[in-house]
Amino acid sequence: MKTYDLVEVNDKKTRNEFLMLPVRLYREEKSWIRPLDEDIEKVFDRGINKSFRSGECIRWILLNENRETVGRVAAFYDRKIAGNNEQPTGGMGFFECVNDNEAAFMLFDACKDWLAGKGMEAMDGPVNFGDRDRWWGLLVDGFTEPNYCMPWNFLYYKDLFEAYGFQVYFNQYTFRRHIGVDGLHPSILEKAERMFANPEYSFRYINKKNLEKAAEDFMIVYNQAWASHSGIKEITRTHAMALLKNFKPIMDEQLIWFAYHNDEPIGFYIMIPEINQIVKYLDGKMNLLGKMKFMYHKWRKTCKKVYGVIFGVVPRFQSRGVEGGMIMAFAELATRPGFQYKVIELNWIGDFNPAMLKLAEQLAFSVTKTHVTMRYLFDREKEFKRLPVIPRRNKTPE
């Protein structure tokens, strides 16, 4: 029987081991891209991560009998989110481990016991201590290069989670297509053309010099289109502005589009350069040398992929062609000679959102990666239920 020792991450040495374990595990994996150390550490920084205002977090590394790090994990909960479930539910994430059930189960047990002590009755994983657009889900299909701040893991991780008793709470699909209008569903094209012919509607990309306007418009649309979804909160103008400022160092204003009806914002399509295409050259460090490398590759236009971060249309304008209108407006620009980007991948869409899945298919996207969010109920006799499907408020075009 192997001997393992669980050690809390609470000093420079253990933090470094937490960061370096995946570097050692994946050193032979060509598709893995090392995340920036600072992006990982921001999650656990009380001064940066706002989830600490209503929650707690702990992380561990696992040592073998030779004092070598063979596993890591974090456990956390946010009181504002935990109660939005049939039972109080926390999270676990940043899981990395050798292919050994005993080691993995020791990490899972640590999360379960700590969360139970905080009043939780279930845990989701592997997820993020923060927003869903980062570090969310277990990769189970499509082991190509990960997008920025998205997980990449060995296929055997799925076996470890399932052997412990985790079950799929929902599937997450990443969609991909070449930039252009080829393959769009005829109804999308027809409705988009009607939009363009109607002077009440307009589509335009943002001006980086006027981010306040973009933040205001984003907040208006987001709070109508997204905030009613499970586990998603309304955002403030300050939060919206912070989000856009966070994008500013890599922002390409021609990738952020808004739709308007009589100058009222009714939709947005936010894309950014998929900077993992540059991050893979930085060896996890955004130090002076890393910044120089980043600027060099940005100047060389190394990045040819666009990442669709978020897409939304206010409910009363859904299914009218606003979605296609933004796509068509962007495509008109993007198909001009010399445009830098050739491919787009969307931020993941959950199987609980059939309307968005159907729209992605109608826009000629195809699934390129599948992640899963899993849930473990502490009461093993309790009935497991998957995340409910979002009811359609408007019928999507046929």
Protein backbone atom coordinates (compact mmCIF):
# COMPACT_ATOMS: atom_id res chain seq x y z
CA MET A 1 0.00 0.00 0.00
CA LYS A 2 1.33 3.41 -1.01
CA THR A 3 1.85 6.17 1.51
CA TYR A 4 0.71 9.69 0.69
CA ASP A 5 0.90 12.89 2.66
CA LEU A 6 -1.57 15.75 2.16
CA VAL A 7 0.00 19.18 2.66
CA GLU A 8 -1.85 22.50 2.69
CA VAL A 9 -0.52 25.15 0.30
CA ASN A 10 0.44 28.02 2.57
CA ASP A 11 3.98 29.15 1.71
CA LYS A 12 6.25 29.88 -1.24
CA LYS A 13 7.53 26.30 -1.52
CA THR A 14 4.10 24.66 -1.59
CA ARG A 15 2.73 27.34 -3.95
CA ASN A 16 5.59 26.60 -6.33
CA GLU A 17 4.88 22.87 -6.17
CA PHE A 18 1.21 23.56 -6.88
CA LEU A 19 2.26 25.41 -10.05
CA MET A 20 5.00 23.04 -11.17
CA LEU A 21 3.18 19.71 -10.85
CA PRO A 22 1.30 20.03 -14.19
CA VAL A 23 4.52 21.18 -15.86
CA ARG A 24 6.09 17.86 -14.90
CA LEU A 25 2.99 15.78 -15.63
CA TYR A 26 2.45 17.19 -19.12
CA ARG A 27 6.04 17.69 -20.27
CA GLU A 28 5.58 15.14 -23.08
CA GLU A 29 2.14 16.38 -24.13
CA LYS A 30 2.42 18.57 -27.24
CA SER A 31 -1.14 19.89 -27.04
CA TRP A 32 -0.86 21.13 -23.46
CA ILE A 33 -0.11 24.84 -23.05
CA ARG A 34 1.31 25.95 -19.74
CA PRO A 35 -0.94 28.58 -18.16
CA LEU A 36 0.56 31.78 -16.86
CA ASP A 37 1.50 31.34 -13.22
CA GLU A 38 -0.08 34.68 -12.38
CA ASP A 39 -3.43 33.62 -13.87
CA ILE A 40 -3.54 30.63 -11.51
CA GLU A 41 -2.37 32.58 -8.49
CA LYS A 42 -4.95 35.34 -9.01
CA VAL A 43 -7.67 32.80 -8.22
CA PHE A 44 -6.21 32.32 -4.73
CA ASP A 45 -5.39 35.98 -4.04
CA ARG A 46 -7.83 37.52 -1.57
CA GLY A 47 -6.97 40.98 -2.81
CA ILE A 48 -7.97 40.13 -6.38
CA ASN A 49 -10.61 37.39 -6.36
CA LYS A 50 -13.94 38.88 -5.29
CA SER A 51 -15.32 35.41 -4.50
CA PHE A 52 -13.52 35.64 -1.17
CA ARG A 53 -16.04 38.31 -0.11
CA SER A 54 -18.68 35.63 0.31
CA GLY A 55 -16.63 32.46 0.36
CA GLU A 56 -13.52 30.59 1.36
CA CYS A 57 -10.87 28.52 -0.38
CA ILE A 58 -8.16 26.03 0.53
CA ARG A 59 -5.70 24.06 -1.55
CA TRP A 60 -3.38 21.12 -1.05
CA ILE A 61 -0.58 19.21 -2.69
CA LEU A 62 -0.10 15.46 -2.29
CA LEU A 63 3.34 13.98 -1.62
CA ASN A 64 4.41 10.36 -2.08
CA GLU A 65 6.79 8.42 0.15
CA ASN A 66 9.75 10.02 -1.65
CA ARG A 67 8.37 13.52 -0.89
CA GLU A 68 7.61 14.06 -4.55
CA THR A 69 4.46 16.00 -5.47
CA VAL A 70 2.05 13.67 -7.24
CA GLY A 71 -1.26 15.52 -6.88
CA ARG A 72 -2.91 18.85 -6.17
CA VAL A 73 -6.42 20.21 -5.67
CA ALA A 74 -8.38 23.18 -4.35
CA ALA A 75 -11.74 23.31 -2.54
CA PHE A 76 -13.93 26.39 -2.22
CA TYR A 77 -17.44 27.70 -1.77
CA ASP A 78 -19.27 30.94 -2.39
CA ARG A 79 -22.29 31.44 -0.14
CA LYS A 80 -24.06 33.50 -2.82
CA ILE A 81 -23.92 30.57 -5.24
CA ALA A 82 -23.97 27.57 -2.90
CA GLY A 83 -27.62 28.09 -2.01
CA ASN A 84 -28.78 28.19 -5.64
CA ASN A 85 -29.02 24.41 -5.56
CA GLU A 86 -31.29 21.76 -4.08
CA GLN A 87 -28.53 21.31 -1.50
CA PRO A 88 -25.72 23.72 -0.53
CA THR A 89 -23.01 23.01 -3.09
CA GLY A 90 -19.35 23.96 -3.07
CA GLY A 91 -16.66 23.34 -5.63
CA MET A 92 -13.34 21.68 -6.20
CA GLY A 93 -10.88 22.35 -8.98
CA PHE A 94 -7.32 22.73 -10.21
CA PHE A 95 -7.09 18.97 -9.84
CA GLU A 96 -3.96 17.28 -11.14
CA CYS A 97 -2.87 13.77 -10.21
CA VAL A 98 -0.93 10.72 -11.26
CA ASN A 99 -3.02 7.84 -12.51
CA ASP A 100 -3.73 6.26 -9.13
CA ASN A 101 -7.14 5.90 -7.50
CA GLU A 102 -5.73 5.98 -3.99
CA ALA A 103 -3.97 9.29 -4.59
CA ALA A 104 -6.95 10.84 -6.36
CA PHE A 105 -9.42 9.65 -3.71
CA MET A 106 -7.29 11.21 -0.98
CA LEU A 107 -7.54 14.55 -2.76
CA PHE A 108 -11.29 14.16 -3.33
CA ASP A 109 -11.81 13.18 0.32
CA ALA A 110 -9.95 16.27 1.48
CA CYS A 111 -12.29 18.47 -0.57
CA LYS A 112 -15.41 16.65 0.58
CA ASP A 113 -14.48 16.73 4.28
CA TRP A 114 -13.49 20.41 4.22
CA LEU A 115 -16.66 21.43 2.35
CA ALA A 116 -18.88 19.33 4.63
CA GLY A 117 -17.33 21.14 7.57
CA LYS A 118 -18.44 24.41 5.97
CA GLY A 119 -22.05 23.25 5.65
CA MET A 120 -21.93 22.03 2.05
CA GLU A 121 -23.77 18.88 1.00
CA ALA A 122 -22.30 18.45 -2.50
CA MET A 123 -19.40 19.55 -4.63
CA ASP A 124 -19.05 20.37 -8.31
CA GLY A 125 -15.81 19.80 -10.11
CA PRO A 126 -13.48 20.45 -11.57
CA VAL A 127 -14.60 24.08 -11.54
CA ASN A 128 -13.25 27.53 -10.76
CA PHE A 129 -13.46 29.65 -7.62
CA GLY A 130 -14.98 32.41 -9.71
CA ASP A 131 -16.62 32.90 -13.09
CA ARG A 132 -17.50 30.05 -15.43
CA ASP A 133 -15.46 31.38 -18.34
CA ARG A 134 -12.20 30.20 -16.74
CA TRP A 135 -10.84 26.89 -15.47
CA TRP A 136 -14.21 25.17 -15.77
CA GLY A 137 -14.81 21.54 -16.60
CA LEU A 138 -13.02 18.26 -17.23
CA LEU A 139 -11.81 17.72 -20.79
CA VAL A 140 -13.19 14.42 -22.11
CA ASP A 141 -13.02 14.86 -25.89
CA GLY A 142 -11.05 17.01 -28.34
CA PHE A 143 -7.57 16.99 -26.86
CA THR A 144 -6.27 19.83 -29.02
CA GLU A 145 -4.60 22.95 -27.69
CA PRO A 146 -6.67 24.58 -24.93
CA ASN A 147 -8.00 28.09 -25.17
CA TYR A 148 -6.76 30.73 -22.77
CA CYS A 149 -7.58 29.92 -19.13
CA MET A 150 -9.41 26.73 -20.03
CA PRO A 151 -8.49 23.29 -18.67
CA TRP A 152 -6.52 20.58 -20.44
CA ASN A 153 -6.07 17.24 -18.72
CA PHE A 154 -5.32 13.58 -19.25
CA LEU A 155 -8.20 11.39 -20.40
CA TYR A 156 -7.75 9.12 -17.36
CA TYR A 157 -8.95 11.94 -15.08
CA LYS A 158 -12.49 11.06 -16.18
CA ASP A 159 -11.98 7.53 -14.84
CA LEU A 160 -10.70 8.88 -11.51
CA PHE A 161 -13.72 11.16 -11.07
CA GLU A 162 -16.22 8.47 -12.02
CA ALA A 163 -14.57 5.83 -9.84
CA TYR A 164 -14.94 8.13 -6.84
CA GLY A 165 -18.64 8.66 -7.55
CA PHE A 166 -18.84 11.94 -9.45
CA GLN A 167 -21.60 12.10 -12.07
CA VAL A 168 -22.00 14.38 -15.07
CA TYR A 169 -23.96 17.47 -14.05
CA PHE A 170 -23.79 19.00 -17.52
CA ASN A 171 -21.76 18.81 -20.72
CA GLN A 172 -19.84 21.79 -22.09
CA TYR A 173 -19.24 22.13 -25.82
CA THR A 174 -16.61 24.30 -27.51
CA PHE A 175 -17.55 25.16 -31.10
CA ARG A 176 -15.24 26.07 -33.98
CA ARG A 177 -15.49 27.34 -37.55
CA HIS A 178 -13.52 29.27 -40.13
CA ILE A 179 -14.37 32.95 -40.29
CA GLY A 180 -16.85 33.77 -43.03
CA VAL A 181 -20.49 33.24 -43.94
CA ASP A 182 -20.24 29.87 -45.67
CA GLY A 183 -22.66 27.31 -44.29
CA LEU A 184 -24.95 29.69 -42.43
CA HIS A 185 -28.52 28.41 -42.15
CA PRO A 186 -30.74 30.03 -44.84
CA SER A 187 -33.10 31.43 -42.20
CA ILE A 188 -30.14 33.13 -40.48
CA LEU A 189 -29.08 34.75 -43.75
CA GLU A 190 -32.63 35.80 -44.62
CA LYS A 191 -33.33 37.40 -41.25
CA ALA A 192 -29.91 39.09 -41.17
CA GLU A 193 -30.55 40.62 -44.57
CA ARG A 194 -33.90 41.96 -43.32
CA MET A 195 -32.07 43.48 -40.35
CA PHE A 196 -29.59 45.23 -42.62
CA ALA A 197 -32.42 46.61 -44.75
CA ASN A 198 -34.26 48.03 -41.72
CA PRO A 199 -32.86 51.44 -40.66
CA GLU A 200 -34.06 50.85 -37.09
CA TYR A 201 -31.24 48.32 -36.63
CA SER A 202 -27.51 48.90 -36.70
CA PHE A 203 -24.37 46.87 -35.98
CA ARG A 204 -20.99 48.28 -35.08
CA TYR A 205 -17.79 47.44 -33.29
CA ILE A 206 -16.59 49.42 -30.30
CA ASN A 207 -14.21 52.34 -30.02
CA LYS A 208 -11.41 51.65 -27.50
CA LYS A 209 -11.35 55.35 -26.68
CA ASN A 210 -14.92 55.17 -25.37
CA LEU A 211 -15.00 52.05 -23.20
CA GLU A 212 -17.51 53.69 -20.85
CA LYS A 213 -20.16 53.52 -23.59
CA ALA A 214 -19.31 49.90 -24.36
CA ALA A 215 -19.45 48.96 -20.66
CA GLU A 216 -22.87 50.61 -20.25
CA ASP A 217 -24.26 48.83 -23.30
CA PHE A 218 -22.77 45.51 -22.20
CA MET A 219 -24.34 45.80 -18.74
CA ILE A 220 -27.78 46.56 -20.22
CA VAL A 221 -27.77 43.56 -22.54
CA TYR A 222 -26.07 41.13 -20.16
CA ASN A 223 -28.50 41.73 -17.30
CA GLN A 224 -31.43 40.91 -19.58
CA ALA A 225 -29.88 38.09 -21.61
CA TRP A 226 -27.80 36.20 -19.06
CA ALA A 227 -28.50 37.11 -15.45
CA SER A 228 -31.63 34.93 -15.28
CA HIS A 229 -29.55 31.78 -15.85
CA SER A 230 -28.75 29.50 -12.91
CA GLY A 231 -25.66 30.55 -10.98
CA ILE A 232 -25.21 33.81 -12.94
CA LYS A 233 -25.58 37.15 -11.17
CA GLU A 234 -26.40 40.59 -12.53
CA ILE A 235 -23.42 42.82 -13.12
CA THR A 236 -22.91 46.47 -12.30
CA ARG A 237 -21.54 49.18 -14.54
CA THR A 238 -18.30 49.02 -12.54
CA HIS A 239 -18.03 45.26 -13.10
CA ALA A 240 -18.69 45.66 -16.82
CA MET A 241 -16.03 48.35 -17.08
CA ALA A 242 -13.55 46.19 -15.17
CA LEU A 243 -14.21 43.32 -17.59
CA LEU A 244 -13.46 45.46 -20.64
CA LYS A 245 -10.39 46.99 -19.01
CA ASN A 246 -9.16 43.48 -18.30
CA PHE A 247 -9.40 42.77 -22.04
CA LYS A 248 -7.77 46.05 -23.06
CA PRO A 249 -4.12 44.84 -23.30
CA ILE A 250 -5.15 42.25 -25.89
CA MET A 251 -8.32 43.92 -27.17
CA ASP A 252 -8.90 44.27 -30.88
CA GLU A 253 -11.82 46.67 -31.19
CA GLN A 254 -12.89 45.07 -34.47
CA LEU A 255 -13.72 41.89 -32.55
CA ILE A 256 -16.29 43.39 -30.14
CA TRP A 257 -19.67 44.03 -31.77
CA PHE A 258 -22.96 45.45 -30.58
CA ALA A 259 -26.43 45.44 -32.11
CA TYR A 260 -28.78 48.39 -31.63
CA HIS A 261 -32.47 49.03 -32.18
CA ASN A 262 -33.09 52.77 -32.50
CA ASP A 263 -29.73 53.19 -30.71
CA GLU A 264 -30.86 51.00 -27.79
CA PRO A 265 -28.36 48.17 -27.19
CA ILE A 266 -30.01 44.81 -27.81
CA GLY A 267 -27.12 42.41 -28.41
CA PHE A 268 -23.39 41.90 -28.15
CA TYR A 269 -20.78 39.54 -29.52
CA ILE A 270 -17.50 39.82 -27.64
CA MET A 271 -14.44 38.18 -29.14
CA ILE A 272 -10.78 38.49 -28.27
CA PRO A 273 -7.59 37.20 -29.84
CA GLU A 274 -7.05 33.65 -28.56
CA ILE A 275 -3.84 34.54 -26.76
CA ASN A 276 -2.89 31.00 -25.82
CA GLN A 277 -1.44 31.06 -29.33
CA ILE A 278 1.12 33.46 -27.81
CA VAL A 279 1.11 32.26 -24.19
CA LYS A 280 2.52 28.90 -25.31
CA TYR A 281 5.82 30.65 -26.01
CA LEU A 282 6.09 32.26 -22.54
CA ASP A 283 6.76 29.21 -20.32
CA GLY A 284 4.21 30.40 -17.77
CA LYS A 285 5.98 33.67 -16.98
CA MET A 286 4.73 37.17 -17.70
CA ASN A 287 7.98 38.73 -16.47
CA LEU A 288 10.05 41.22 -18.46
CA LEU A 289 11.21 38.55 -20.91
CA GLY A 290 7.67 37.18 -21.14
CA LYS A 291 6.29 40.63 -21.91
CA MET A 292 8.90 41.14 -24.60
CA LYS A 293 8.00 37.80 -26.17
CA PHE A 294 4.30 38.66 -25.95
CA MET A 295 4.78 42.00 -27.69
CA TYR A 296 6.96 40.39 -30.35
CA HIS A 297 4.33 37.77 -31.22
CA LYS A 298 1.58 40.37 -31.08
CA TRP A 299 3.58 42.48 -33.55
CA ARG A 300 4.19 39.43 -35.74
CA LYS A 301 0.44 38.71 -35.66
CA THR A 302 1.18 35.16 -34.56
CA CYS A 303 -2.37 34.70 -33.31
CA LYS A 304 -4.72 33.60 -36.08
CA LYS A 305 -7.55 32.38 -33.87
CA VAL A 306 -10.40 34.39 -32.34
CA TYR A 307 -12.05 33.34 -29.09
CA GLY A 308 -15.76 34.09 -28.71
CA VAL A 309 -16.04 35.01 -25.04
CA ILE A 310 -19.73 35.78 -24.71
CA PHE A 311 -22.73 36.31 -26.93
CA GLY A 312 -26.11 37.66 -25.90
CA VAL A 313 -29.36 39.13 -27.20
CA VAL A 314 -32.07 40.57 -24.99
CA PRO A 315 -35.05 38.18 -24.88
CA ARG A 316 -37.60 40.29 -26.77
CA PHE A 317 -35.26 40.54 -29.77
CA GLN A 318 -34.19 36.91 -29.88
CA SER A 319 -35.03 34.93 -33.03
CA ARG A 320 -35.46 38.10 -35.09
CA GLY A 321 -32.09 37.89 -36.80
CA VAL A 322 -29.98 39.99 -34.44
CA GLU A 323 -27.59 37.07 -33.93
CA GLY A 324 -27.03 36.63 -37.64
CA GLY A 325 -26.83 40.37 -38.16
CA MET A 326 -23.82 40.65 -35.86
CA ILE A 327 -22.19 37.63 -37.50
CA MET A 328 -22.77 39.06 -40.97
CA ALA A 329 -21.45 42.49 -40.01
CA PHE A 330 -18.31 40.96 -38.57
CA ALA A 331 -17.86 38.59 -41.51
CA GLU A 332 -18.10 41.47 -43.98
CA LEU A 333 -15.10 43.03 -42.26
CA ALA A 334 -13.23 39.79 -41.55
CA THR A 335 -13.30 38.51 -45.13
CA ARG A 336 -11.46 41.53 -46.49
CA PRO A 337 -7.89 40.89 -47.68
CA GLY A 338 -5.26 41.11 -44.96
CA PHE A 339 -7.54 40.40 -42.00
CA GLN A 340 -5.41 38.75 -39.32
CA TYR A 341 -7.73 36.07 -37.97
CA LYS A 342 -8.84 32.91 -39.79
CA VAL A 343 -10.59 30.71 -37.20
CA ILE A 344 -13.01 31.29 -34.33
CA GLU A 345 -13.76 29.11 -31.32
CA LEU A 346 -16.62 29.93 -28.97
CA ASN A 347 -16.53 29.91 -25.20
CA TRP A 348 -18.25 26.71 -24.12
CA ILE A 349 -22.02 26.27 -24.34
CA GLY A 350 -23.72 23.95 -21.87
CA ASP A 351 -26.12 21.20 -22.87
CA PHE A 352 -28.62 22.91 -20.56
CA ASN A 353 -28.91 25.69 -23.15
CA PRO A 354 -30.50 24.06 -26.24
CA ALA A 355 -31.36 27.39 -27.87
CA MET A 356 -27.71 28.47 -27.95
CA LEU A 357 -26.60 25.02 -29.11
CA LYS A 358 -29.03 25.18 -32.00
CA LEU A 359 -27.94 28.70 -32.87
CA ALA A 360 -24.28 27.61 -32.95
CA GLU A 361 -25.18 24.83 -35.37
CA GLN A 362 -27.18 27.23 -37.57
CA LEU A 363 -24.17 29.52 -37.65
CA ALA A 364 -22.17 26.57 -39.05
CA PHE A 365 -20.08 25.93 -35.97
CA SER A 366 -19.14 22.35 -35.10
CA VAL A 367 -18.08 20.86 -31.77
CA THR A 368 -14.32 20.67 -31.38
CA LYS A 369 -13.96 20.03 -27.62
CA THR A 370 -16.14 18.61 -24.86
CA HIS A 371 -15.69 19.33 -21.16
CA VAL A 372 -17.97 18.11 -18.39
CA THR A 373 -18.94 19.61 -15.07
CA MET A 374 -19.40 16.81 -12.54
CA ARG A 375 -21.22 16.74 -9.21
CA TYR A 376 -20.74 14.57 -6.13
CA LEU A 377 -23.52 14.34 -3.54
CA PHE A 378 -22.24 13.74 -0.03
CA ASP A 379 -25.42 11.82 0.83
CA ARG A 380 -24.91 8.78 -1.39
CA GLU A 381 -28.56 7.76 -1.00
CA LYS A 382 -29.90 11.03 -2.39
CA GLU A 383 -31.25 11.09 -5.93
CA PHE A 384 -28.84 12.69 -8.41
CA LYS A 385 -30.32 15.29 -10.74
CA ARG A 386 -28.66 16.94 -13.71
CA LEU A 387 -28.79 20.68 -14.24
CA PRO A 388 -32.25 21.56 -15.63
CA VAL A 389 -32.52 22.69 -19.22
CA ILE A 390 -33.18 26.39 -19.73
CA PRO A 391 -36.75 26.78 -21.03
CA ARG A 392 -37.01 28.53 -24.34
CA ARG A 393 -38.44 32.01 -24.05
CA ASN A 394 -38.63 32.41 -27.80
CA LYS A 395 -38.56 29.81 -30.51
CA THR A 396 -35.28 29.74 -32.40
CA PRO A 397 -35.45 29.90 -36.17
CA GLU A 398 -36.07 26.66 -38.03
